[in-house]
């Protein structure tokens, strides 16, 4: 069997690995934020601002946002292809999912980096 490596189509293994990798990033970010709240029980604006002024936290947050978008996109694609039989409805719903995922990441960029 000849595999076309230049194809932009995904396969099941790539989806599986992508979902697991993004889940690990999301879990690590959740543990980080929960840990921050446990260490600092009274978080005010100045503490929150100083946390997110760090370059590492900004990059980690952006990585978590991108991971959430990828995770949601693949997961909802799988659900839609399993349960939505009408191609037009499924295409519209997946377009909305992609639009929302992109808007979340774009909003995150604006909030984190002030672009």
PDB file of N, CA and C in Angstrom:
ATOM      1  N   UNK A   1       0.844  -1.163   0.000  1.00  0.00           N
ATOM      2  CA  UNK A   1       0.000   0.000   0.000  1.00  0.00           C
ATOM      3  C   UNK A   1       0.899   1.240   0.000  1.00  0.00           C
ATOM      4  N   UNK A   2       0.555   2.211  -0.835  1.00  0.00           N
ATOM      5  CA  UNK A   2       1.308   3.453  -0.920  1.00  0.00           C
ATOM      6  C   UNK A   2       0.558   4.513  -0.120  1.00  0.00           C
ATOM      7  N   UNK A   3       1.271   5.188   0.774  1.00  0.00           N
ATOM      8  CA  UNK A   3       0.668   6.244   1.582  1.00  0.00           C
ATOM      9  C   UNK A   3       1.030   7.594   0.998  1.00  0.00           C
ATOM     10  N   UNK A   4       0.049   8.440   0.849  1.00  0.00           N
ATOM     11  CA  UNK A   4       0.284   9.784   0.345  1.00  0.00           C
ATOM     12  C   UNK A   4       0.560  10.702   1.526  1.00  0.00           C
ATOM     13  N   UNK A   5       1.801  11.045   1.749  1.00  0.00           N
ATOM     14  CA  UNK A   5       2.178  11.879   2.893  1.00  0.00           C
ATOM     15  C   UNK A   5       1.856  13.347   2.662  1.00  0.00           C
ATOM     16  N   UNK A   6       1.590  13.736   1.427  1.00  0.00           N
ATOM     17  CA  UNK A   6       1.302  15.136   1.121  1.00  0.00           C
ATOM     18  C   UNK A   6      -0.175  15.470   1.280  1.00  0.00           C
ATOM     19  N   UNK A   7      -0.983  14.503   1.604  1.00  0.00           N
ATOM     20  CA  UNK A   7      -2.416  14.732   1.742  1.00  0.00           C
ATOM     21  C   UNK A   7      -2.716  15.518   3.008  1.00  0.00           C
ATOM     22  N   UNK A   8      -3.697  16.390   2.920  1.00  0.00           N
ATOM     23  CA  UNK A   8      -4.104  17.183   4.083  1.00  0.00           C
ATOM     24  C   UNK A   8      -5.199  16.501   4.893  1.00  0.00           C
ATOM     25  N   UNK A   9      -5.653  15.335   4.431  1.00  0.00           N
ATOM     26  CA  UNK A   9      -6.697  14.616   5.163  1.00  0.00           C
ATOM     27  C   UNK A   9      -6.112  13.960   6.404  1.00  0.00           C
ATOM     28  N   UNK A  10      -6.936  13.911   7.440  1.00  0.00           N
ATOM     29  CA  UNK A  10      -6.514  13.264   8.685  1.00  0.00           C
ATOM     30  C   UNK A  10      -6.895  11.799   8.631  1.00  0.00           C
ATOM     31  N   UNK A  11      -6.266  11.043   9.501  1.00  0.00           N
ATOM     32  CA  UNK A  11      -6.672   9.658   9.663  1.00  0.00           C
ATOM     33  C   UNK A  11      -6.987   9.417  11.130  1.00  0.00           C
ATOM     34  N   UNK A  12      -7.470   8.222  11.429  1.00  0.00           N
ATOM     35  CA  UNK A  12      -7.900   7.918  12.788  1.00  0.00           C
ATOM     36  C   UNK A  12      -6.780   7.955  13.804  1.00  0.00           C
ATOM     37  N   UNK A  13      -5.593   7.534  13.417  1.00  0.00           N
ATOM     38  CA  UNK A  13      -4.463   7.546  14.350  1.00  0.00           C
ATOM     39  C   UNK A  13      -4.067   8.977  14.691  1.00  0.00           C
ATOM     40  N   UNK A  14      -4.055   9.848  13.685  1.00  0.00           N
ATOM     41  CA  UNK A  14      -3.710  11.248  13.942  1.00  0.00           C
ATOM     42  C   UNK A  14      -4.740  11.905  14.859  1.00  0.00           C
ATOM     43  N   UNK A  15      -6.015  11.621  14.643  1.00  0.00           N
ATOM     44  CA  UNK A  15      -7.052  12.149  15.533  1.00  0.00           C
ATOM     45  C   UNK A  15      -6.877  11.627  16.953  1.00  0.00           C
ATOM     46  N   UNK A  16      -6.597  10.336  17.083  1.00  0.00           N
ATOM     47  CA  UNK A  16      -6.410   9.724  18.391  1.00  0.00           C
ATOM     48  C   UNK A  16      -5.250  10.377  19.139  1.00  0.00           C
ATOM     49  N   UNK A  17      -4.122  10.520  18.472  1.00  0.00           N
ATOM     50  CA  UNK A  17      -2.940  11.113  19.104  1.00  0.00           C
ATOM     51  C   UNK A  17      -3.185  12.590  19.416  1.00  0.00           C
ATOM     52  N   UNK A  18      -3.828  13.306  18.505  1.00  0.00           N
ATOM     53  CA  UNK A  18      -4.116  14.726  18.734  1.00  0.00           C
ATOM     54  C   UNK A  18      -5.033  14.924  19.934  1.00  0.00           C
ATOM     55  N   UNK A  19      -6.063  14.097  20.051  1.00  0.00           N
ATOM     56  CA  UNK A  19      -6.968  14.208  21.194  1.00  0.00           C
ATOM     57  C   UNK A  19      -6.252  13.932  22.507  1.00  0.00           C
ATOM     58  N   UNK A  20      -5.388  12.918  22.516  1.00  0.00           N
ATOM     59  CA  UNK A  20      -4.675  12.590  23.759  1.00  0.00           C
ATOM     60  C   UNK A  20      -3.662  13.672  24.115  1.00  0.00           C
ATOM     61  N   UNK A  21      -2.956  14.192  23.122  1.00  0.00           N
ATOM     62  CA  UNK A  21      -1.958  15.237  23.382  1.00  0.00           C
ATOM     63  C   UNK A  21      -2.621  16.523  23.872  1.00  0.00           C
ATOM     64  N   UNK A  22      -3.721  16.920  23.237  1.00  0.00           N
ATOM     65  CA  UNK A  22      -4.398  18.134  23.681  1.00  0.00           C
ATOM     66  C   UNK A  22      -5.026  17.936  25.056  1.00  0.00           C
ATOM     67  N   UNK A  23      -5.499  16.727  25.344  1.00  0.00           N
ATOM     68  CA  UNK A  23      -6.061  16.458  26.677  1.00  0.00           C
ATOM     69  C   UNK A  23      -4.983  16.596  27.751  1.00  0.00           C
ATOM     70  N   UNK A  24      -3.775  16.163  27.451  1.00  0.00           N
ATOM     71  CA  UNK A  24      -2.681  16.311  28.418  1.00  0.00           C
ATOM     72  C   UNK A  24      -2.354  17.782  28.673  1.00  0.00           C
ATOM     73  N   UNK A  25      -2.336  18.584  27.621  1.00  0.00           N
ATOM     74  CA  UNK A  25      -2.052  20.017  27.780  1.00  0.00           C
ATOM     75  C   UNK A  25      -3.165  20.678  28.594  1.00  0.00           C
ATOM     76  N   UNK A  26      -4.414  20.356  28.281  1.00  0.00           N
ATOM     77  CA  UNK A  26      -5.546  20.941  29.010  1.00  0.00           C
ATOM     78  C   UNK A  26      -5.504  20.523  30.480  1.00  0.00           C
ATOM     79  N   UNK A  27      -5.207  19.265  30.750  1.00  0.00           N
ATOM     80  CA  UNK A  27      -5.125  18.785  32.139  1.00  0.00           C
ATOM     81  C   UNK A  27      -3.979  19.464  32.884  1.00  0.00           C
ATOM     82  N   UNK A  28      -2.834  19.616  32.237  1.00  0.00           N
ATOM     83  CA  UNK A  28      -1.696  20.285  32.880  1.00  0.00           C
ATOM     84  C   UNK A  28      -2.025  21.735  33.199  1.00  0.00           C
ATOM     85  N   UNK A  29      -2.713  22.407  32.285  1.00  0.00           N
ATOM     86  CA  UNK A  29      -3.092  23.803  32.531  1.00  0.00           C
ATOM     87  C   UNK A  29      -4.112  23.895  33.669  1.00  0.00           C
ATOM     88  N   UNK A  30      -5.063  22.970  33.706  1.00  0.00           N
ATOM     89  CA  UNK A  30      -6.053  22.967  34.787  1.00  0.00           C
ATOM     90  C   UNK A  30      -5.381  22.732  36.135  1.00  0.00           C
ATOM     91  N   UNK A  31      -4.430  21.806  36.190  1.00  0.00           N
ATOM     92  CA  UNK A  31      -3.700  21.554  37.439  1.00  0.00           C
ATOM     93  C   UNK A  31      -2.914  22.792  37.843  1.00  0.00           C
ATOM     94  N   UNK A  32      -2.302  23.462  36.869  1.00  0.00           N
ATOM     95  CA  UNK A  32      -1.547  24.681  37.155  1.00  0.00           C
ATOM     96  C   UNK A  32      -2.447  25.774  37.748  1.00  0.00           C
ATOM     97  N   UNK A  33      -3.586  26.024  37.126  1.00  0.00           N
ATOM     98  CA  UNK A  33      -4.490  27.080  37.604  1.00  0.00           C
ATOM     99  C   UNK A  33      -5.094  26.717  38.958  1.00  0.00           C
ATOM    100  N   UNK A  34      -5.506  25.470  39.127  1.00  0.00           N
ATOM    101  CA  UNK A  34      -6.051  25.043  40.421  1.00  0.00           C
ATOM    102  C   UNK A  34      -4.973  25.137  41.499  1.00  0.00           C
ATOM    103  N   UNK A  35      -3.761  24.731  41.166  1.00  0.00           N
ATOM    104  CA  UNK A  35      -2.648  24.855  42.109  1.00  0.00           C
ATOM    105  C   UNK A  35      -2.379  26.298  42.488  1.00  0.00           C
ATOM    106  N   UNK A  36      -2.479  27.191  41.517  1.00  0.00           N
ATOM    107  CA  UNK A  36      -2.278  28.619  41.814  1.00  0.00           C
ATOM    108  C   UNK A  36      -3.347  29.122  42.791  1.00  0.00           C
ATOM    109  N   UNK A  37      -4.591  28.710  42.583  1.00  0.00           N
ATOM    110  CA  UNK A  37      -5.661  29.128  43.490  1.00  0.00           C
ATOM    111  C   UNK A  37      -5.514  28.514  44.874  1.00  0.00           C
ATOM    112  N   UNK A  38      -4.974  27.297  44.960  1.00  0.00           N
ATOM    113  CA  UNK A  38      -4.766  26.676  46.263  1.00  0.00           C
ATOM    114  C   UNK A  38      -3.628  27.346  47.030  1.00  0.00           C
ATOM    115  N   UNK A  39      -2.583  27.739  46.316  1.00  0.00           N
ATOM    116  CA  UNK A  39      -1.451  28.405  46.966  1.00  0.00           C
ATOM    117  C   UNK A  39      -1.803  29.840  47.337  1.00  0.00           C
ATOM    118  N   UNK A  40      -2.579  30.502  46.491  1.00  0.00           N
ATOM    119  CA  UNK A  40      -2.994  31.896  46.727  1.00  0.00           C
ATOM    120  C   UNK A  40      -4.510  31.950  46.879  1.00  0.00           C
ATOM    121  N   UNK A  41      -5.027  31.737  48.091  1.00  0.00           N
ATOM    122  CA  UNK A  41      -6.491  31.667  48.248  1.00  0.00           C
ATOM    123  C   UNK A  41      -7.205  33.001  47.994  1.00  0.00           C
ATOM    124  N   UNK A  42      -6.534  34.108  48.241  1.00  0.00           N
ATOM    125  CA  UNK A  42      -7.185  35.405  47.993  1.00  0.00           C
ATOM    126  C   UNK A  42      -6.512  36.066  46.791  1.00  0.00           C
ATOM    127  N   UNK A  43      -7.026  35.742  45.623  1.00  0.00           N
ATOM    128  CA  UNK A  43      -6.467  36.303  44.391  1.00  0.00           C
ATOM    129  C   UNK A  43      -7.200  37.596  44.070  1.00  0.00           C
ATOM    130  N   UNK A  44      -6.431  38.666  43.970  1.00  0.00           N
ATOM    131  CA  UNK A  44      -7.003  39.942  43.570  1.00  0.00           C
ATOM    132  C   UNK A  44      -6.454  40.333  42.197  1.00  0.00           C
ATOM    133  N   UNK A  45      -6.804  41.505  41.751  1.00  0.00           N
ATOM    134  CA  UNK A  45      -6.417  41.944  40.417  1.00  0.00           C
ATOM    135  C   UNK A  45      -4.906  41.997  40.251  1.00  0.00           C
ATOM    136  N   UNK A  46      -4.206  42.506  41.249  1.00  0.00           N
ATOM    137  CA  UNK A  46      -2.750  42.634  41.138  1.00  0.00           C
ATOM    138  C   UNK A  46      -2.056  41.276  41.070  1.00  0.00           C
ATOM    139  N   UNK A  47      -2.536  40.302  41.840  1.00  0.00           N
ATOM    140  CA  UNK A  47      -1.954  38.962  41.789  1.00  0.00           C
ATOM    141  C   UNK A  47      -2.225  38.313  40.430  1.00  0.00           C
ATOM    142  N   UNK A  48      -3.432  38.492  39.940  1.00  0.00           N
ATOM    143  CA  UNK A  48      -3.803  37.930  38.645  1.00  0.00           C
ATOM    144  C   UNK A  48      -2.988  38.581  37.523  1.00  0.00           C
ATOM    145  N   UNK A  49      -2.827  39.903  37.618  1.00  0.00           N
ATOM    146  CA  UNK A  49      -2.052  40.633  36.610  1.00  0.00           C
ATOM    147  C   UNK A  49      -0.582  40.219  36.649  1.00  0.00           C
ATOM    148  N   UNK A  50      -0.024  40.032  37.835  1.00  0.00           N
ATOM    149  CA  UNK A  50       1.379  39.623  37.922  1.00  0.00           C
ATOM    150  C   UNK A  50       1.577  38.185  37.425  1.00  0.00           C
ATOM    151  N   UNK A  51       0.584  37.323  37.629  1.00  0.00           N
ATOM    152  CA  UNK A  51       0.681  35.960  37.112  1.00  0.00           C
ATOM    153  C   UNK A  51       0.740  35.976  35.590  1.00  0.00           C
ATOM    154  N   UNK A  52      -0.159  36.729  34.972  1.00  0.00           N
ATOM    155  CA  UNK A  52      -0.244  36.729  33.518  1.00  0.00           C
ATOM    156  C   UNK A  52       0.720  37.711  32.854  1.00  0.00           C
ATOM    157  N   UNK A  53       1.541  38.395  33.620  1.00  0.00           N
ATOM    158  CA  UNK A  53       2.581  39.226  33.013  1.00  0.00           C
ATOM    159  C   UNK A  53       3.800  38.386  32.655  1.00  0.00           C
ATOM    160  N   UNK A  54       3.869  37.177  33.170  1.00  0.00           N
ATOM    161  CA  UNK A  54       4.974  36.265  32.876  1.00  0.00           C
ATOM    162  C   UNK A  54       4.816  35.700  31.464  1.00  0.00           C
ATOM    163  N   UNK A  55       5.913  35.677  30.718  1.00  0.00           N
ATOM    164  CA  UNK A  55       5.887  35.152  29.355  1.00  0.00           C
ATOM    165  C   UNK A  55       5.525  33.671  29.336  1.00  0.00           C
ATOM    166  N   UNK A  56       6.028  32.906  30.300  1.00  0.00           N
ATOM    167  CA  UNK A  56       5.730  31.482  30.353  1.00  0.00           C
ATOM    168  C   UNK A  56       4.252  31.192  30.544  1.00  0.00           C
ATOM    169  N   UNK A  57       3.601  31.962  31.413  1.00  0.00           N
ATOM    170  CA  UNK A  57       2.167  31.766  31.653  1.00  0.00           C
ATOM    171  C   UNK A  57       1.369  32.162  30.413  1.00  0.00           C
ATOM    172  N   UNK A  58       1.782  33.221  29.729  1.00  0.00           N
ATOM    173  CA  UNK A  58       1.089  33.626  28.503  1.00  0.00           C
ATOM    174  C   UNK A  58       1.198  32.542  27.438  1.00  0.00           C
ATOM    175  N   UNK A  59       2.382  31.999  27.268  1.00  0.00           N
ATOM    176  CA  UNK A  59       2.579  30.949  26.262  1.00  0.00           C
ATOM    177  C   UNK A  59       1.798  29.692  26.648  1.00  0.00           C
ATOM    178  N   UNK A  60       1.832  29.329  27.921  1.00  0.00           N
ATOM    179  CA  UNK A  60       1.101  28.146  28.396  1.00  0.00           C
ATOM    180  C   UNK A  60      -0.400  28.338  28.209  1.00  0.00           C
ATOM    181  N   UNK A  61      -0.900  29.534  28.485  1.00  0.00           N
ATOM    182  CA  UNK A  61      -2.321  29.822  28.305  1.00  0.00           C
ATOM    183  C   UNK A  61      -2.703  29.754  26.833  1.00  0.00           C
ATOM    184  N   UNK A  62      -1.877  30.320  25.974  1.00  0.00           N
ATOM    185  CA  UNK A  62      -2.158  30.258  24.544  1.00  0.00           C
ATOM    186  C   UNK A  62      -2.119  28.819  24.041  1.00  0.00           C
ATOM    187  N   UNK A  63      -1.172  28.048  24.515  1.00  0.00           N
ATOM    188  CA  UNK A  63      -1.096  26.634  24.151  1.00  0.00           C
ATOM    189  C   UNK A  63      -2.343  25.891  24.621  1.00  0.00           C
ATOM    190  N   UNK A  64      -2.823  26.228  25.812  1.00  0.00           N
ATOM    191  CA  UNK A  64      -4.047  25.601  26.320  1.00  0.00           C
ATOM    192  C   UNK A  64      -5.255  26.004  25.474  1.00  0.00           C
ATOM    193  N   UNK A  65      -5.340  27.264  25.066  1.00  0.00           N
ATOM    194  CA  UNK A  65      -6.454  27.709  24.225  1.00  0.00           C
ATOM    195  C   UNK A  65      -6.441  26.997  22.875  1.00  0.00           C
ATOM    196  N   UNK A  66      -5.273  26.885  22.275  1.00  0.00           N
ATOM    197  CA  UNK A  66      -5.167  26.185  20.991  1.00  0.00           C
ATOM    198  C   UNK A  66      -5.509  24.709  21.169  1.00  0.00           C
ATOM    199  N   UNK A  67      -5.077  24.122  22.274  1.00  0.00           N
ATOM    200  CA  UNK A  67      -5.401  22.722  22.548  1.00  0.00           C
ATOM    201  C   UNK A  67      -6.898  22.516  22.725  1.00  0.00           C
ATOM    202  N   UNK A  68      -7.555  23.444  23.405  1.00  0.00           N
ATOM    203  CA  UNK A  68      -9.009  23.350  23.579  1.00  0.00           C
ATOM    204  C   UNK A  68      -9.703  23.432  22.230  1.00  0.00           C
ATOM    205  N   UNK A  69      -9.237  24.342  21.363  1.00  0.00           N
ATOM    206  CA  UNK A  69      -9.851  24.491  20.041  1.00  0.00           C
ATOM    207  C   UNK A  69      -9.669  23.221  19.217  1.00  0.00           C
ATOM    208  N   UNK A  70      -8.474  22.652  19.211  1.00  0.00           N
ATOM    209  CA  UNK A  70      -8.213  21.427  18.451  1.00  0.00           C
ATOM    210  C   UNK A  70      -9.026  20.270  19.015  1.00  0.00           C
ATOM    211  N   UNK A  71      -9.043  20.152  20.336  1.00  0.00           N
ATOM    212  CA  UNK A  71      -9.768  19.068  21.005  1.00  0.00           C
ATOM    213  C   UNK A  71     -11.267  19.147  20.690  1.00  0.00           C
ATOM    214  N   UNK A  72     -11.821  20.341  20.785  1.00  0.00           N
ATOM    215  CA  UNK A  72     -13.249  20.525  20.508  1.00  0.00           C
ATOM    216  C   UNK A  72     -13.559  20.270  19.040  1.00  0.00           C
ATOM    217  N   UNK A  73     -12.694  20.740  18.161  1.00  0.00           N
ATOM    218  CA  UNK A  73     -12.928  20.568  16.732  1.00  0.00           C
ATOM    219  C   UNK A  73     -12.939  19.091  16.345  1.00  0.00           C
ATOM    220  N   UNK A  74     -11.949  18.338  16.800  1.00  0.00           N
ATOM    221  CA  UNK A  74     -11.892  16.914  16.455  1.00  0.00           C
ATOM    222  C   UNK A  74     -13.031  16.148  17.121  1.00  0.00           C
ATOM    223  N   UNK A  75     -13.272  16.421  18.398  1.00  0.00           N
ATOM    224  CA  UNK A  75     -14.338  15.715  19.111  1.00  0.00           C
ATOM    225  C   UNK A  75     -15.710  15.970  18.527  1.00  0.00           C
ATOM    226  N   UNK A  76     -16.003  17.232  18.219  1.00  0.00           N
ATOM    227  CA  UNK A  76     -17.315  17.538  17.646  1.00  0.00           C
ATOM    228  C   UNK A  76     -17.429  17.062  16.207  1.00  0.00           C
ATOM    229  N   UNK A  77     -16.312  17.011  15.478  1.00  0.00           N
ATOM    230  CA  UNK A  77     -16.344  16.425  14.139  1.00  0.00           C
ATOM    231  C   UNK A  77     -16.728  14.950  14.224  1.00  0.00           C
ATOM    232  N   UNK A  78     -16.156  14.237  15.195  1.00  0.00           N
ATOM    233  CA  UNK A  78     -16.484  12.823  15.354  1.00  0.00           C
ATOM    234  C   UNK A  78     -17.952  12.628  15.730  1.00  0.00           C
ATOM    235  N   UNK A  79     -18.447  13.449  16.628  1.00  0.00           N
ATOM    236  CA  UNK A  79     -19.852  13.341  17.032  1.00  0.00           C
ATOM    237  C   UNK A  79     -20.772  13.671  15.861  1.00  0.00           C
ATOM    238  N   UNK A  80     -20.450  14.743  15.135  1.00  0.00           N
ATOM    239  CA  UNK A  80     -21.310  15.143  14.015  1.00  0.00           C
ATOM    240  C   UNK A  80     -21.323  14.101  12.903  1.00  0.00           C
ATOM    241  N   UNK A  81     -20.178  13.520  12.589  1.00  0.00           N
ATOM    242  CA  UNK A  81     -20.169  12.513  11.524  1.00  0.00           C
ATOM    243  C   UNK A  81     -20.880  11.232  11.957  1.00  0.00           C
ATOM    244  N   UNK A  82     -20.927  10.970  13.250  1.00  0.00           N
ATOM    245  CA  UNK A  82     -21.632   9.778  13.722  1.00  0.00           C
ATOM    246  C   UNK A  82     -23.149   9.971  13.774  1.00  0.00           C
ATOM    247  N   UNK A  83     -23.610  11.151  14.160  1.00  0.00           N
ATOM    248  CA  UNK A  83     -25.028  11.326  14.465  1.00  0.00           C
ATOM    249  C   UNK A  83     -25.791  12.221  13.502  1.00  0.00           C
ATOM    250  N   UNK A  84     -25.110  13.011  12.692  1.00  0.00           N
ATOM    251  CA  UNK A  84     -25.805  13.879  11.734  1.00  0.00           C
ATOM    252  C   UNK A  84     -25.679  13.271  10.354  1.00  0.00           C
ATOM    253  N   UNK A  85     -26.767  12.776   9.840  1.00  0.00           N
ATOM    254  CA  UNK A  85     -26.728  12.090   8.546  1.00  0.00           C
ATOM    255  C   UNK A  85     -26.870  13.054   7.377  1.00  0.00           C
ATOM    256  N   UNK A  86     -27.547  14.184   7.579  1.00  0.00           N
ATOM    257  CA  UNK A  86     -27.714  15.157   6.503  1.00  0.00           C
ATOM    258  C   UNK A  86     -26.413  15.939   6.317  1.00  0.00           C
ATOM    259  N   UNK A  87     -25.863  15.865   5.126  1.00  0.00           N
ATOM    260  CA  UNK A  87     -24.561  16.464   4.846  1.00  0.00           C
ATOM    261  C   UNK A  87     -24.589  17.997   4.987  1.00  0.00           C
ATOM    262  N   UNK A  88     -25.676  18.628   4.566  1.00  0.00           N
ATOM    263  CA  UNK A  88     -25.748  20.091   4.623  1.00  0.00           C
ATOM    264  C   UNK A  88     -25.809  20.584   6.066  1.00  0.00           C
ATOM    265  N   UNK A  89     -26.591  19.931   6.888  1.00  0.00           N
ATOM    266  CA  UNK A  89     -26.694  20.317   8.300  1.00  0.00           C
ATOM    267  C   UNK A  89     -25.362  20.088   8.999  1.00  0.00           C
ATOM    268  N   UNK A  90     -24.742  18.940   8.731  1.00  0.00           N
ATOM    269  CA  UNK A  90     -23.455  18.632   9.339  1.00  0.00           C
ATOM    270  C   UNK A  90     -22.387  19.640   8.913  1.00  0.00           C
ATOM    271  N   UNK A  91     -22.365  20.006   7.649  1.00  0.00           N
ATOM    272  CA  UNK A  91     -21.397  20.994   7.170  1.00  0.00           C
ATOM    273  C   UNK A  91     -21.608  22.348   7.837  1.00  0.00           C
ATOM    274  N   UNK A  92     -22.873  22.745   7.991  1.00  0.00           N
ATOM    275  CA  UNK A  92     -23.162  24.022   8.641  1.00  0.00           C
ATOM    276  C   UNK A  92     -22.739  24.007  10.106  1.00  0.00           C
ATOM    277  N   UNK A  93     -23.072  22.930  10.808  1.00  0.00           N
ATOM    278  CA  UNK A  93     -22.706  22.828  12.226  1.00  0.00           C
ATOM    279  C   UNK A  93     -21.187  22.820  12.391  1.00  0.00           C
ATOM    280  N   UNK A  94     -20.484  22.093  11.543  1.00  0.00           N
ATOM    281  CA  UNK A  94     -19.022  22.059  11.632  1.00  0.00           C
ATOM    282  C   UNK A  94     -18.405  23.400  11.261  1.00  0.00           C
ATOM    283  N   UNK A  95     -19.032  24.131  10.344  1.00  0.00           N
ATOM    284  CA  UNK A  95     -18.566  25.485  10.039  1.00  0.00           C
ATOM    285  C   UNK A  95     -18.692  26.377  11.270  1.00  0.00           C
ATOM    286  N   UNK A  96     -19.812  26.293  11.967  1.00  0.00           N
ATOM    287  CA  UNK A  96     -20.014  27.083  13.187  1.00  0.00           C
ATOM    288  C   UNK A  96     -19.009  26.677  14.257  1.00  0.00           C
ATOM    289  N   UNK A  97     -18.759  25.379  14.409  1.00  0.00           N
ATOM    290  CA  UNK A  97     -17.775  24.892  15.386  1.00  0.00           C
ATOM    291  C   UNK A  97     -16.397  25.465  15.079  1.00  0.00           C
ATOM    292  N   UNK A  98     -15.990  25.417  13.811  1.00  0.00           N
ATOM    293  CA  UNK A  98     -14.693  25.959  13.419  1.00  0.00           C
ATOM    294  C   UNK A  98     -14.628  27.470  13.631  1.00  0.00           C
ATOM    295  N   UNK A  99     -15.708  28.161  13.342  1.00  0.00           N
ATOM    296  CA  UNK A  99     -15.764  29.610  13.535  1.00  0.00           C
ATOM    297  C   UNK A  99     -15.646  29.969  15.016  1.00  0.00           C
ATOM    298  N   UNK A 100     -16.345  29.251  15.867  1.00  0.00           N
ATOM    299  CA  UNK A 100     -16.283  29.509  17.313  1.00  0.00           C
ATOM    300  C   UNK A 100     -14.891  29.185  17.856  1.00  0.00           C
ATOM    301  N   UNK A 101     -14.309  28.062  17.427  1.00  0.00           N
ATOM    302  CA  UNK A 101     -12.966  27.697  17.889  1.00  0.00           C
ATOM    303  C   UNK A 101     -11.953  28.750  17.469  1.00  0.00           C
ATOM    304  N   UNK A 102     -12.035  29.210  16.236  1.00  0.00           N
ATOM    305  CA  UNK A 102     -11.129  30.254  15.770  1.00  0.00           C
ATOM    306  C   UNK A 102     -11.331  31.550  16.542  1.00  0.00           C
ATOM    307  N   UNK A 103     -12.586  31.911  16.808  1.00  0.00           N
ATOM    308  CA  UNK A 103     -12.846  33.159  17.527  1.00  0.00           C
ATOM    309  C   UNK A 103     -12.343  33.090  18.964  1.00  0.00           C
ATOM    310  N   UNK A 104     -12.420  31.918  19.604  1.00  0.00           N
ATOM    311  CA  UNK A 104     -11.872  31.772  20.950  1.00  0.00           C
ATOM    312  C   UNK A 104     -10.365  31.971  20.967  1.00  0.00           C
ATOM    313  N   UNK A 105      -9.678  31.375  20.011  1.00  0.00           N
ATOM    314  CA  UNK A 105      -8.225  31.524  19.955  1.00  0.00           C
ATOM    315  C   UNK A 105      -7.859  32.970  19.615  1.00  0.00           C
ATOM    316  N   UNK A 106      -8.582  33.586  18.685  1.00  0.00           N
ATOM    317  CA  UNK A 106      -8.300  34.978  18.330  1.00  0.00           C
ATOM    318  C   UNK A 106      -8.552  35.907  19.508  1.00  0.00           C
ATOM    319  N   UNK A 107      -9.630  35.688  20.243  1.00  0.00           N
ATOM    320  CA  UNK A 107      -9.915  36.494  21.432  1.00  0.00           C
ATOM    321  C   UNK A 107      -8.837  36.278  22.485  1.00  0.00           C
ATOM    322  N   UNK A 108      -8.381  35.043  22.644  1.00  0.00           N
ATOM    323  CA  UNK A 108      -7.294  34.759  23.572  1.00  0.00           C
ATOM    324  C   UNK A 108      -6.020  35.500  23.198  1.00  0.00           C
ATOM    325  N   UNK A 109      -5.730  35.567  21.897  1.00  0.00           N
ATOM    326  CA  UNK A 109      -4.553  36.326  21.453  1.00  0.00           C
ATOM    327  C   UNK A 109      -4.681  37.791  21.832  1.00  0.00           C
ATOM    328  N   UNK A 110      -5.841  38.362  21.596  1.00  0.00           N
ATOM    329  CA  UNK A 110      -6.053  39.773  21.933  1.00  0.00           C
ATOM    330  C   UNK A 110      -5.955  40.018  23.430  1.00  0.00           C
ATOM    331  N   UNK A 111      -6.513  39.136  24.226  1.00  0.00           N
ATOM    332  CA  UNK A 111      -6.509  39.314  25.670  1.00  0.00           C
ATOM    333  C   UNK A 111      -5.104  39.112  26.241  1.00  0.00           C
ATOM    334  N   UNK A 112      -4.415  38.069  25.785  1.00  0.00           N
ATOM    335  CA  UNK A 112      -3.098  37.751  26.350  1.00  0.00           C
ATOM    336  C   UNK A 112      -2.011  38.714  25.892  1.00  0.00           C
ATOM    337  N   UNK A 113      -1.977  39.007  24.620  1.00  0.00           N
ATOM    338  CA  UNK A 113      -0.860  39.760  24.071  1.00  0.00           C
ATOM    339  C   UNK A 113      -1.218  41.192  23.744  1.00  0.00           C
ATOM    340  N   UNK A 114      -2.488  41.557  23.801  1.00  0.00           N
ATOM    341  CA  UNK A 114      -2.877  42.935  23.502  1.00  0.00           C
ATOM    342  C   UNK A 114      -2.666  43.295  22.050  1.00  0.00           C
ATOM    343  N   UNK A 115      -2.842  42.318  21.164  1.00  0.00           N
ATOM    344  CA  UNK A 115      -2.613  42.557  19.740  1.00  0.00           C
ATOM    345  C   UNK A 115      -3.761  43.370  19.169  1.00  0.00           C
TER     346      UNK A 115
END
